Amino acid sequence: MPFYLFQGKYSIESMQAMVATPQDREAAAKPLIEALGGTLHHMFFCMGDYDLMALIEAPDDESMAAGALAVGSSGAMTGGKTTKLMTSADAMKAMAKAGAVTGAYKPAT
């Protein structure tokens, strides 16, 4: 199954709720991901442009998009992004495929 990095920004209301009543958001996210046939491998709170990052394994792009849409439609987030990841083995296959087709591309001159 493909891996994805989900990065999210919590809404002010979500932040206020978590400060008032600290809660395990990983435990809240896990059932959604499992309902989509995926696995939540890690979830981290972070400083910077995003409030959290999650490493998720999902069956396909459609399932991952469905999860992001479900979270986004809840109002808990004000923004986020999903990045599809590749294993080193998959990247090496892509490198080999690129090597096989490199001659088919003619750069601008």
PDB file of N, CA and C in Angstrom:
ATOM      1  N   MET A   1       0.847  -1.186   0.000  1.00  0.00           N
ATOM      2  CA  MET A   1       0.000   0.000   0.000  1.00  0.00           C
ATOM      3  C   MET A   1       0.888   1.243   0.000  1.00  0.00           C
ATOM      4  N   PRO A   2       0.422   2.297  -0.662  1.00  0.00           N
ATOM      5  CA  PRO A   2       1.186   3.545  -0.688  1.00  0.00           C
ATOM      6  C   PRO A   2       1.209   4.240   0.672  1.00  0.00           C
ATOM      7  N   PHE A   3       2.246   5.032   0.865  1.00  0.00           N
ATOM      8  CA  PHE A   3       2.388   5.856   2.065  1.00  0.00           C
ATOM      9  C   PHE A   3       2.100   7.303   1.727  1.00  0.00           C
ATOM     10  N   TYR A   4       1.564   8.032   2.705  1.00  0.00           N
ATOM     11  CA  TYR A   4       1.230   9.443   2.534  1.00  0.00           C
ATOM     12  C   TYR A   4       1.664  10.208   3.781  1.00  0.00           C
ATOM     13  N   LEU A   5       2.068  11.459   3.575  1.00  0.00           N
ATOM     14  CA  LEU A   5       2.336  12.378   4.670  1.00  0.00           C
ATOM     15  C   LEU A   5       1.209  13.387   4.674  1.00  0.00           C
ATOM     16  N   PHE A   6       0.430  13.414   5.749  1.00  0.00           N
ATOM     17  CA  PHE A   6      -0.634  14.404   5.897  1.00  0.00           C
ATOM     18  C   PHE A   6      -0.149  15.468   6.860  1.00  0.00           C
ATOM     19  N   GLN A   7      -0.270  16.726   6.460  1.00  0.00           N
ATOM     20  CA  GLN A   7       0.093  17.850   7.312  1.00  0.00           C
ATOM     21  C   GLN A   7      -1.146  18.706   7.493  1.00  0.00           C
ATOM     22  N   GLY A   8      -1.453  19.069   8.735  1.00  0.00           N
ATOM     23  CA  GLY A   8      -2.669  19.824   8.988  1.00  0.00           C
ATOM     24  C   GLY A   8      -2.478  20.987   9.938  1.00  0.00           C
ATOM     25  N   LYS A   9      -3.362  21.994   9.768  1.00  0.00           N
ATOM     26  CA  LYS A   9      -3.413  23.161  10.645  1.00  0.00           C
ATOM     27  C   LYS A   9      -4.755  23.132  11.364  1.00  0.00           C
ATOM     28  N   TYR A  10      -4.719  23.118  12.683  1.00  0.00           N
ATOM     29  CA  TYR A  10      -5.952  23.101  13.459  1.00  0.00           C
ATOM     30  C   TYR A  10      -6.641  24.454  13.420  1.00  0.00           C
ATOM     31  N   SER A  11      -7.960  24.443  13.503  1.00  0.00           N
ATOM     32  CA  SER A  11      -8.736  25.678  13.623  1.00  0.00           C
ATOM     33  C   SER A  11      -8.545  26.247  15.023  1.00  0.00           C
ATOM     34  N   ILE A  12      -8.870  27.512  15.192  1.00  0.00           N
ATOM     35  CA  ILE A  12      -8.787  28.150  16.509  1.00  0.00           C
ATOM     36  C   ILE A  12      -9.672  27.409  17.505  1.00  0.00           C
ATOM     37  N   GLU A  13     -10.861  27.015  17.063  1.00  0.00           N
ATOM     38  CA  GLU A  13     -11.786  26.302  17.946  1.00  0.00           C
ATOM     39  C   GLU A  13     -11.204  24.957  18.392  1.00  0.00           C
ATOM     40  N   SER A  14     -10.551  24.256  17.483  1.00  0.00           N
ATOM     41  CA  SER A  14      -9.930  22.986  17.855  1.00  0.00           C
ATOM     42  C   SER A  14      -8.801  23.200  18.849  1.00  0.00           C
ATOM     43  N   MET A  15      -7.993  24.214  18.623  1.00  0.00           N
ATOM     44  CA  MET A  15      -6.897  24.533  19.554  1.00  0.00           C
ATOM     45  C   MET A  15      -7.458  24.874  20.932  1.00  0.00           C
ATOM     46  N   GLN A  16      -8.504  25.686  20.956  1.00  0.00           N
ATOM     47  CA  GLN A  16      -9.111  26.059  22.234  1.00  0.00           C
ATOM     48  C   GLN A  16      -9.631  24.824  22.966  1.00  0.00           C
ATOM     49  N   ALA A  17     -10.255  23.919  22.247  1.00  0.00           N
ATOM     50  CA  ALA A  17     -10.791  22.700  22.857  1.00  0.00           C
ATOM     51  C   ALA A  17      -9.670  21.821  23.413  1.00  0.00           C
ATOM     52  N   MET A  18      -8.554  21.709  22.682  1.00  0.00           N
ATOM     53  CA  MET A  18      -7.440  20.864  23.142  1.00  0.00           C
ATOM     54  C   MET A  18      -6.718  21.482  24.336  1.00  0.00           C
ATOM     55  N   VAL A  19      -6.662  22.812  24.398  1.00  0.00           N
ATOM     56  CA  VAL A  19      -6.043  23.471  25.551  1.00  0.00           C
ATOM     57  C   VAL A  19      -6.947  23.331  26.775  1.00  0.00           C
ATOM     58  N   ALA A  20      -8.256  23.492  26.573  1.00  0.00           N
ATOM     59  CA  ALA A  20      -9.202  23.376  27.687  1.00  0.00           C
ATOM     60  C   ALA A  20      -9.279  21.944  28.205  1.00  0.00           C
ATOM     61  N   THR A  21      -9.225  20.977  27.274  1.00  0.00           N
ATOM     62  CA  THR A  21      -9.312  19.572  27.636  1.00  0.00           C
ATOM     63  C   THR A  21      -8.323  18.792  26.770  1.00  0.00           C
ATOM     64  N   PRO A  22      -7.092  18.599  27.258  1.00  0.00           N
ATOM     65  CA  PRO A  22      -6.113  17.847  26.459  1.00  0.00           C
ATOM     66  C   PRO A  22      -6.669  16.483  26.061  1.00  0.00           C
ATOM     67  N   GLN A  23      -6.428  16.127  24.804  1.00  0.00           N
ATOM     68  CA  GLN A  23      -6.990  14.890  24.272  1.00  0.00           C
ATOM     69  C   GLN A  23      -6.042  14.236  23.279  1.00  0.00           C
ATOM     70  N   ASP A  24      -6.154  12.945  23.177  1.00  0.00           N
ATOM     71  CA  ASP A  24      -5.297  12.155  22.296  1.00  0.00           C
ATOM     72  C   ASP A  24      -5.879  12.178  20.888  1.00  0.00           C
ATOM     73  N   ARG A  25      -5.384  13.054  20.049  1.00  0.00           N
ATOM     74  CA  ARG A  25      -5.902  13.184  18.691  1.00  0.00           C
ATOM     75  C   ARG A  25      -5.489  12.013  17.800  1.00  0.00           C
ATOM     76  N   GLU A  26      -4.394  11.343  18.151  1.00  0.00           N
ATOM     77  CA  GLU A  26      -3.998  10.148  17.405  1.00  0.00           C
ATOM     78  C   GLU A  26      -5.065   9.065  17.565  1.00  0.00           C
ATOM     79  N   ALA A  27      -5.569   8.897  18.792  1.00  0.00           N
ATOM     80  CA  ALA A  27      -6.625   7.916  19.046  1.00  0.00           C
ATOM     81  C   ALA A  27      -7.905   8.282  18.297  1.00  0.00           C
ATOM     82  N   ALA A  28      -8.126   9.575  18.084  1.00  0.00           N
ATOM     83  CA  ALA A  28      -9.313  10.019  17.349  1.00  0.00           C
ATOM     84  C   ALA A  28      -9.156   9.787  15.849  1.00  0.00           C
ATOM     85  N   ALA A  29      -7.944   9.945  15.326  1.00  0.00           N
ATOM     86  CA  ALA A  29      -7.702   9.802  13.880  1.00  0.00           C
ATOM     87  C   ALA A  29      -7.639   8.339  13.442  1.00  0.00           C
ATOM     88  N   LYS A  30      -7.157   7.479  14.315  1.00  0.00           N
ATOM     89  CA  LYS A  30      -6.920   6.079  13.953  1.00  0.00           C
ATOM     90  C   LYS A  30      -8.166   5.359  13.417  1.00  0.00           C
ATOM     91  N   PRO A  31      -9.343   5.477  14.054  1.00  0.00           N
ATOM     92  CA  PRO A  31     -10.528   4.766  13.536  1.00  0.00           C
ATOM     93  C   PRO A  31     -10.927   5.216  12.123  1.00  0.00           C
ATOM     94  N   LEU A  32     -10.754   6.499  11.823  1.00  0.00           N
ATOM     95  CA  LEU A  32     -11.080   6.984  10.481  1.00  0.00           C
ATOM     96  C   LEU A  32     -10.174   6.331   9.447  1.00  0.00           C
ATOM     97  N   ILE A  33      -8.891   6.321   9.723  1.00  0.00           N
ATOM     98  CA  ILE A  33      -7.929   5.747   8.782  1.00  0.00           C
ATOM     99  C   ILE A  33      -8.161   4.249   8.625  1.00  0.00           C
ATOM    100  N   GLU A  34      -8.434   3.564   9.716  1.00  0.00           N
ATOM    101  CA  GLU A  34      -8.715   2.129   9.647  1.00  0.00           C
ATOM    102  C   GLU A  34     -10.004   1.843   8.889  1.00  0.00           C
ATOM    103  N   ALA A  35     -11.023   2.723   9.027  1.00  0.00           N
ATOM    104  CA  ALA A  35     -12.287   2.546   8.296  1.00  0.00           C
ATOM    105  C   ALA A  35     -12.070   2.652   6.785  1.00  0.00           C
ATOM    106  N   LEU A  36     -11.020   3.357   6.390  1.00  0.00           N
ATOM    107  CA  LEU A  36     -10.677   3.498   4.975  1.00  0.00           C
ATOM    108  C   LEU A  36      -9.754   2.379   4.495  1.00  0.00           C
ATOM    109  N   GLY A  37      -9.419   1.449   5.404  1.00  0.00           N
ATOM    110  CA  GLY A  37      -8.540   0.336   5.044  1.00  0.00           C
ATOM    111  C   GLY A  37      -7.073   0.650   5.205  1.00  0.00           C
ATOM    112  N   GLY A  38      -6.760   1.737   5.909  1.00  0.00           N
ATOM    113  CA  GLY A  38      -5.380   2.167   6.064  1.00  0.00           C
ATOM    114  C   GLY A  38      -4.828   1.948   7.463  1.00  0.00           C
ATOM    115  N   THR A  39      -3.587   2.405   7.634  1.00  0.00           N
ATOM    116  CA  THR A  39      -2.892   2.301   8.916  1.00  0.00           C
ATOM    117  C   THR A  39      -2.257   3.645   9.245  1.00  0.00           C
ATOM    118  N   LEU A  40      -2.481   4.121  10.455  1.00  0.00           N
ATOM    119  CA  LEU A  40      -1.801   5.316  10.950  1.00  0.00           C
ATOM    120  C   LEU A  40      -0.521   4.845  11.623  1.00  0.00           C
ATOM    121  N   HIS A  41       0.618   5.117  10.995  1.00  0.00           N
ATOM    122  CA  HIS A  41       1.896   4.668  11.542  1.00  0.00           C
ATOM    123  C   HIS A  41       2.429   5.607  12.610  1.00  0.00           C
ATOM    124  N   HIS A  42       2.330   6.897  12.374  1.00  0.00           N
ATOM    125  CA  HIS A  42       2.826   7.889  13.331  1.00  0.00           C
ATOM    126  C   HIS A  42       2.030   9.171  13.171  1.00  0.00           C
ATOM    127  N   MET A  43       1.864   9.875  14.278  1.00  0.00           N
ATOM    128  CA  MET A  43       1.268  11.208  14.251  1.00  0.00           C
ATOM    129  C   MET A  43       2.084  12.068  15.194  1.00  0.00           C
ATOM    130  N   PHE A  44       2.517  13.207  14.694  1.00  0.00           N
ATOM    131  CA  PHE A  44       3.353  14.115  15.474  1.00  0.00           C
ATOM    132  C   PHE A  44       2.726  15.495  15.496  1.00  0.00           C
ATOM    133  N   PHE A  45       2.747  16.133  16.662  1.00  0.00           N
ATOM    134  CA  PHE A  45       2.447  17.557  16.731  1.00  0.00           C
ATOM    135  C   PHE A  45       3.759  18.267  16.445  1.00  0.00           C
ATOM    136  N   CYS A  46       3.690  19.416  15.782  1.00  0.00           N
ATOM    137  CA  CYS A  46       4.927  20.069  15.380  1.00  0.00           C
ATOM    138  C   CYS A  46       4.788  21.586  15.444  1.00  0.00           C
ATOM    139  N   MET A  47       5.921  22.240  15.365  1.00  0.00           N
ATOM    140  CA  MET A  47       5.973  23.695  15.301  1.00  0.00           C
ATOM    141  C   MET A  47       6.345  24.078  13.883  1.00  0.00           C
ATOM    142  N   GLY A  48       5.827  25.163  13.414  1.00  0.00           N
ATOM    143  CA  GLY A  48       6.131  25.593  12.055  1.00  0.00           C
ATOM    144  C   GLY A  48       4.851  25.892  11.303  1.00  0.00           C
ATOM    145  N   ASP A  49       4.846  25.613  10.014  1.00  0.00           N
ATOM    146  CA  ASP A  49       3.698  25.925   9.171  1.00  0.00           C
ATOM    147  C   ASP A  49       2.486  25.060   9.478  1.00  0.00           C
ATOM    148  N   TYR A  50       2.704  23.874  10.025  1.00  0.00           N
ATOM    149  CA  TYR A  50       1.615  22.949  10.322  1.00  0.00           C
ATOM    150  C   TYR A  50       1.643  22.555  11.792  1.00  0.00           C
ATOM    151  N   ASP A  51       0.476  22.188  12.308  1.00  0.00           N
ATOM    152  CA  ASP A  51       0.350  21.790  13.711  1.00  0.00           C
ATOM    153  C   ASP A  51       0.560  20.297  13.913  1.00  0.00           C
ATOM    154  N   LEU A  52       0.331  19.517  12.869  1.00  0.00           N
ATOM    155  CA  LEU A  52       0.525  18.073  12.993  1.00  0.00           C
ATOM    156  C   LEU A  52       0.973  17.484  11.671  1.00  0.00           C
ATOM    157  N   MET A  53       1.646  16.357  11.793  1.00  0.00           N
ATOM    158  CA  MET A  53       2.032  15.552  10.638  1.00  0.00           C
ATOM    159  C   MET A  53       1.702  14.110  10.967  1.00  0.00           C
ATOM    160  N   ALA A  54       1.179  13.396   9.979  1.00  0.00           N
ATOM    161  CA  ALA A  54       0.832  11.991  10.181  1.00  0.00           C
ATOM    162  C   ALA A  54       1.374  11.168   9.021  1.00  0.00           C
ATOM    163  N   LEU A  55       1.994  10.046   9.346  1.00  0.00           N
ATOM    164  CA  LEU A  55       2.456   9.095   8.334  1.00  0.00           C
ATOM    165  C   LEU A  55       1.389   8.015   8.235  1.00  0.00           C
ATOM    166  N   ILE A  56       0.768   7.938   7.061  1.00  0.00           N
ATOM    167  CA  ILE A  56      -0.384   7.065   6.856  1.00  0.00           C
ATOM    168  C   ILE A  56      -0.115   6.134   5.683  1.00  0.00           C
ATOM    169  N   GLU A  57      -0.494   4.887   5.853  1.00  0.00           N
ATOM    170  CA  GLU A  57      -0.475   3.917   4.760  1.00  0.00           C
ATOM    171  C   GLU A  57      -1.934   3.687   4.379  1.00  0.00           C
ATOM    172  N   ALA A  58      -2.270   3.926   3.111  1.00  0.00           N
ATOM    173  CA  ALA A  58      -3.658   3.805   2.662  1.00  0.00           C
ATOM    174  C   ALA A  58      -3.716   2.964   1.390  1.00  0.00           C
ATOM    175  N   PRO A  59      -4.866   2.348   1.120  1.00  0.00           N
ATOM    176  CA  PRO A  59      -4.976   1.474  -0.048  1.00  0.00           C
ATOM    177  C   PRO A  59      -4.708   2.185  -1.378  1.00  0.00           C
ATOM    178  N   ASP A  60      -5.133   3.462  -1.479  1.00  0.00           N
ATOM    179  CA  ASP A  60      -4.999   4.167  -2.749  1.00  0.00           C
ATOM    180  C   ASP A  60      -5.238   5.662  -2.531  1.00  0.00           C
ATOM    181  N   ASP A  61      -5.028   6.431  -3.603  1.00  0.00           N
ATOM    182  CA  ASP A  61      -5.198   7.884  -3.531  1.00  0.00           C
ATOM    183  C   ASP A  61      -6.629   8.271  -3.162  1.00  0.00           C
ATOM    184  N   GLU A  62      -7.596   7.554  -3.700  1.00  0.00           N
ATOM    185  CA  GLU A  62      -9.001   7.854  -3.424  1.00  0.00           C
ATOM    186  C   GLU A  62      -9.311   7.717  -1.928  1.00  0.00           C
ATOM    187  N   SER A  63      -8.798   6.668  -1.301  1.00  0.00           N
ATOM    188  CA  SER A  63      -9.033   6.465   0.135  1.00  0.00           C
ATOM    189  C   SER A  63      -8.375   7.568   0.950  1.00  0.00           C
ATOM    190  N   MET A  64      -7.151   7.945   0.580  1.00  0.00           N
ATOM    191  CA  MET A  64      -6.457   9.000   1.314  1.00  0.00           C
ATOM    192  C   MET A  64      -7.178  10.328   1.142  1.00  0.00           C
ATOM    193  N   ALA A  65      -7.629  10.619  -0.073  1.00  0.00           N
ATOM    194  CA  ALA A  65      -8.376  11.853  -0.315  1.00  0.00           C
ATOM    195  C   ALA A  65      -9.671  11.864   0.483  1.00  0.00           C
ATOM    196  N   ALA A  66     -10.344  10.718   0.575  1.00  0.00           N
ATOM    197  CA  ALA A  66     -11.590  10.626   1.344  1.00  0.00           C
ATOM    198  C   ALA A  66     -11.340  10.953   2.814  1.00  0.00           C
ATOM    199  N   GLY A  67     -10.245  10.444   3.357  1.00  0.00           N
ATOM    200  CA  GLY A  67      -9.911  10.747   4.748  1.00  0.00           C
ATOM    201  C   GLY A  67      -9.627  12.220   4.954  1.00  0.00           C
ATOM    202  N   ALA A  68      -8.847  12.815   4.055  1.00  0.00           N
ATOM    203  CA  ALA A  68      -8.540  14.244   4.164  1.00  0.00           C
ATOM    204  C   ALA A  68      -9.800  15.081   4.038  1.00  0.00           C
ATOM    205  N   LEU A  69     -10.697  14.679   3.134  1.00  0.00           N
ATOM    206  CA  LEU A  69     -11.961  15.400   2.976  1.00  0.00           C
ATOM    207  C   LEU A  69     -12.845  15.270   4.220  1.00  0.00           C
ATOM    208  N   ALA A  70     -12.877  14.082   4.808  1.00  0.00           N
ATOM    209  CA  ALA A  70     -13.686  13.874   6.020  1.00  0.00           C
ATOM    210  C   ALA A  70     -13.190  14.765   7.156  1.00  0.00           C
ATOM    211  N   VAL A  71     -11.871  14.816   7.339  1.00  0.00           N
ATOM    212  CA  VAL A  71     -11.307  15.671   8.394  1.00  0.00           C
ATOM    213  C   VAL A  71     -11.549  17.140   8.060  1.00  0.00           C
ATOM    214  N   GLY A  72     -11.290  17.514   6.805  1.00  0.00           N
ATOM    215  CA  GLY A  72     -11.482  18.911   6.402  1.00  0.00           C
ATOM    216  C   GLY A  72     -12.921  19.375   6.555  1.00  0.00           C
ATOM    217  N   SER A  73     -13.869  18.516   6.224  1.00  0.00           N
ATOM    218  CA  SER A  73     -15.275  18.904   6.307  1.00  0.00           C
ATOM    219  C   SER A  73     -15.782  18.998   7.746  1.00  0.00           C
ATOM    220  N   SER A  74     -15.011  18.476   8.705  1.00  0.00           N
ATOM    221  CA  SER A  74     -15.420  18.530  10.111  1.00  0.00           C
ATOM    222  C   SER A  74     -15.240  19.918  10.715  1.00  0.00           C
ATOM    223  N   GLY A  75     -14.434  20.760  10.074  1.00  0.00           N
ATOM    224  CA  GLY A  75     -14.155  22.085  10.618  1.00  0.00           C
ATOM    225  C   GLY A  75     -12.995  22.103  11.601  1.00  0.00           C
ATOM    226  N   ALA A  76     -12.405  20.939  11.875  1.00  0.00           N
ATOM    227  CA  ALA A  76     -11.307  20.855  12.841  1.00  0.00           C
ATOM    228  C   ALA A  76     -10.020  21.474  12.311  1.00  0.00           C
ATOM    229  N   MET A  77      -9.888  21.565  10.998  1.00  0.00           N
ATOM    230  CA  MET A  77      -8.667  22.072  10.375  1.00  0.00           C
ATOM    231  C   MET A  77      -8.980  23.318   9.556  1.00  0.00           C
ATOM    232  N   THR A  78      -7.994  24.188   9.452  1.00  0.00           N
ATOM    233  CA  THR A  78      -8.132  25.355   8.578  1.00  0.00           C
ATOM    234  C   THR A  78      -7.321  25.183   7.308  1.00  0.00           C
ATOM    235  N   GLY A  79      -6.544  24.132   7.236  1.00  0.00           N
ATOM    236  CA  GLY A  79      -5.743  23.873   6.050  1.00  0.00           C
ATOM    237  C   GLY A  79      -4.942  22.615   6.230  1.00  0.00           C
ATOM    238  N   GLY A  80      -4.409  22.153   5.135  1.00  0.00           N
ATOM    239  CA  GLY A  80      -3.580  20.964   5.189  1.00  0.00           C
ATOM    240  C   GLY A  80      -3.126  20.580   3.801  1.00  0.00           C
ATOM    241  N   LYS A  81      -2.283  19.571   3.770  1.00  0.00           N
ATOM    242  CA  LYS A  81      -1.858  19.038   2.483  1.00  0.00           C
ATOM    243  C   LYS A  81      -1.460  17.585   2.657  1.00  0.00           C
ATOM    244  N   THR A  82      -1.567  16.863   1.572  1.00  0.00           N
ATOM    245  CA  THR A  82      -1.214  15.454   1.549  1.00  0.00           C
ATOM    246  C   THR A  82      -0.123  15.259   0.503  1.00  0.00           C
ATOM    247  N   THR A  83       0.930  14.564   0.890  1.00  0.00           N
ATOM    248  CA  THR A  83       2.033  14.263  -0.018  1.00  0.00           C
ATOM    249  C   THR A  83       2.152  12.754  -0.142  1.00  0.00           C
ATOM    250  N   LYS A  84       2.097  12.259  -1.374  1.00  0.00           N
ATOM    251  CA  LYS A  84       2.287  10.832  -1.600  1.00  0.00           C
ATOM    252  C   LYS A  84       3.785  10.542  -1.516  1.00  0.00           C
ATOM    253  N   LEU A  85       4.127   9.491  -0.809  1.00  0.00           N
ATOM    254  CA  LEU A  85       5.531   9.136  -0.580  1.00  0.00           C
ATOM    255  C   LEU A  85       5.893   7.875  -1.351  1.00  0.00           C
ATOM    256  N   MET A  86       7.196   7.712  -1.603  1.00  0.00           N
ATOM    257  CA  MET A  86       7.707   6.507  -2.266  1.00  0.00           C
ATOM    258  C   MET A  86       8.765   5.875  -1.381  1.00  0.00           C
ATOM    259  N   THR A  87       8.787   4.568  -1.345  1.00  0.00           N
ATOM    260  CA  THR A  87       9.868   3.872  -0.653  1.00  0.00           C
ATOM    261  C   THR A  87      11.126   3.981  -1.503  1.00  0.00           C
ATOM    262  N   SER A  88      12.262   3.691  -0.921  1.00  0.00           N
ATOM    263  CA  SER A  88      13.516   3.689  -1.684  1.00  0.00           C
ATOM    264  C   SER A  88      13.455   2.682  -2.817  1.00  0.00           C
ATOM    265  N   ALA A  89      12.857   1.523  -2.565  1.00  0.00           N
ATOM    266  CA  ALA A  89      12.733   0.495  -3.602  1.00  0.00           C
ATOM    267  C   ALA A  89      11.901   1.003  -4.778  1.00  0.00           C
ATOM    268  N   ASP A  90      10.781   1.696  -4.488  1.00  0.00           N
ATOM    269  CA  ASP A  90       9.948   2.247  -5.557  1.00  0.00           C
ATOM    270  C   ASP A  90      10.695   3.352  -6.304  1.00  0.00           C
ATOM    271  N   ALA A  91      11.449   4.166  -5.585  1.00  0.00           N
ATOM    272  CA  ALA A  91      12.225   5.230  -6.226  1.00  0.00           C
ATOM    273  C   ALA A  91      13.283   4.640  -7.157  1.00  0.00           C
ATOM    274  N   MET A  92      13.892   3.536  -6.743  1.00  0.00           N
ATOM    275  CA  MET A  92      14.896   2.892  -7.592  1.00  0.00           C
ATOM    276  C   MET A  92      14.255   2.342  -8.872  1.00  0.00           C
ATOM    277  N   LYS A  93      13.035   1.825  -8.772  1.00  0.00           N
ATOM    278  CA  LYS A  93      12.320   1.363  -9.973  1.00  0.00           C
ATOM    279  C   LYS A  93      12.052   2.541 -10.906  1.00  0.00           C
ATOM    280  N   ALA A  94      11.676   3.683 -10.322  1.00  0.00           N
ATOM    281  CA  ALA A  94      11.440   4.879 -11.133  1.00  0.00           C
ATOM    282  C   ALA A  94      12.726   5.348 -11.796  1.00  0.00           C
ATOM    283  N   MET A  95      13.835   5.271 -11.077  1.00  0.00           N
ATOM    284  CA  MET A  95      15.134   5.654 -11.644  1.00  0.00           C
ATOM    285  C   MET A  95      15.490   4.761 -12.831  1.00  0.00           C
ATOM    286  N   ALA A  96      15.266   3.466 -12.676  1.00  0.00           N
ATOM    287  CA  ALA A  96      15.560   2.522 -13.754  1.00  0.00           C
ATOM    288  C   ALA A  96      14.674   2.793 -14.968  1.00  0.00           C
ATOM    289  N   LYS A  97      13.388   3.073 -14.710  1.00  0.00           N
ATOM    290  CA  LYS A  97      12.464   3.372 -15.810  1.00  0.00           C
ATOM    291  C   LYS A  97      12.883   4.664 -16.508  1.00  0.00           C
ATOM    292  N   ALA A  98      13.301   5.670 -15.729  1.00  0.00           N
ATOM    293  CA  ALA A  98      13.767   6.934 -16.315  1.00  0.00           C
ATOM    294  C   ALA A  98      14.990   6.701 -17.191  1.00  0.00           C
ATOM    295  N   GLY A  99      15.893   5.852 -16.722  1.00  0.00           N
ATOM    296  CA  GLY A  99      17.080   5.538 -17.510  1.00  0.00           C
ATOM    297  C   GLY A  99      16.737   4.878 -18.829  1.00  0.00           C
ATOM    298  N   ALA A 100      15.672   4.084 -18.835  1.00  0.00           N
ATOM    299  CA  ALA A 100      15.269   3.373 -20.049  1.00  0.00           C
ATOM    300  C   ALA A 100      14.599   4.287 -21.072  1.00  0.00           C
ATOM    301  N   VAL A 101      14.023   5.405 -20.641  1.00  0.00           N
ATOM    302  CA  VAL A 101      13.292   6.279 -21.561  1.00  0.00           C
ATOM    303  C   VAL A 101      13.961   7.639 -21.770  1.00  0.00           C
ATOM    304  N   THR A 102      15.096   7.858 -21.163  1.00  0.00           N
ATOM    305  CA  THR A 102      15.751   9.161 -21.232  1.00  0.00           C
ATOM    306  C   THR A 102      15.966   9.635 -22.664  1.00  0.00           C
ATOM    307  N   GLY A 103      16.325   8.740 -23.566  1.00  0.00           N
ATOM    308  CA  GLY A 103      16.547   9.125 -24.954  1.00  0.00           C
ATOM    309  C   GLY A 103      15.308   9.598 -25.683  1.00  0.00           C
ATOM    310  N   ALA A 104      14.129   9.332 -25.136  1.00  0.00           N
ATOM    311  CA  ALA A 104      12.879   9.727 -25.790  1.00  0.00           C
ATOM    312  C   ALA A 104      12.556  11.207 -25.569  1.00  0.00           C
ATOM    313  N   TYR A 105      13.278  11.852 -24.654  1.00  0.00           N
ATOM    314  CA  TYR A 105      13.020  13.259 -24.355  1.00  0.00           C
ATOM    315  C   TYR A 105      14.073  14.137 -25.011  1.00  0.00           C
ATOM    316  N   LYS A 106      13.612  15.161 -25.708  1.00  0.00           N
ATOM    317  CA  LYS A 106      14.517  16.120 -26.345  1.00  0.00           C
ATOM    318  C   LYS A 106      14.365  17.465 -25.635  1.00  0.00           C
ATOM    319  N   PRO A 107      15.426  17.916 -24.931  1.00  0.00           N
ATOM    320  CA  PRO A 107      15.320  19.202 -24.234  1.00  0.00           C
ATOM    321  C   PRO A 107      15.264  20.369 -25.212  1.00  0.00           C
ATOM    322  N   ALA A 108      14.735  21.480 -24.739  1.00  0.00           N
ATOM    323  CA  ALA A 108      14.685  22.694 -25.564  1.00  0.00           C
ATOM    324  C   ALA A 108      16.107  23.167 -25.850  1.00  0.00           C
ATOM    325  N   THR A 109      16.321  23.640 -27.049  1.00  0.00           N
ATOM    326  CA  THR A 109      17.650  24.155 -27.410  1.00  0.00           C
ATOM    327  C   THR A 109      17.550  25.541 -27.976  1.00  0.00           C
TER     328      THR A 109
END
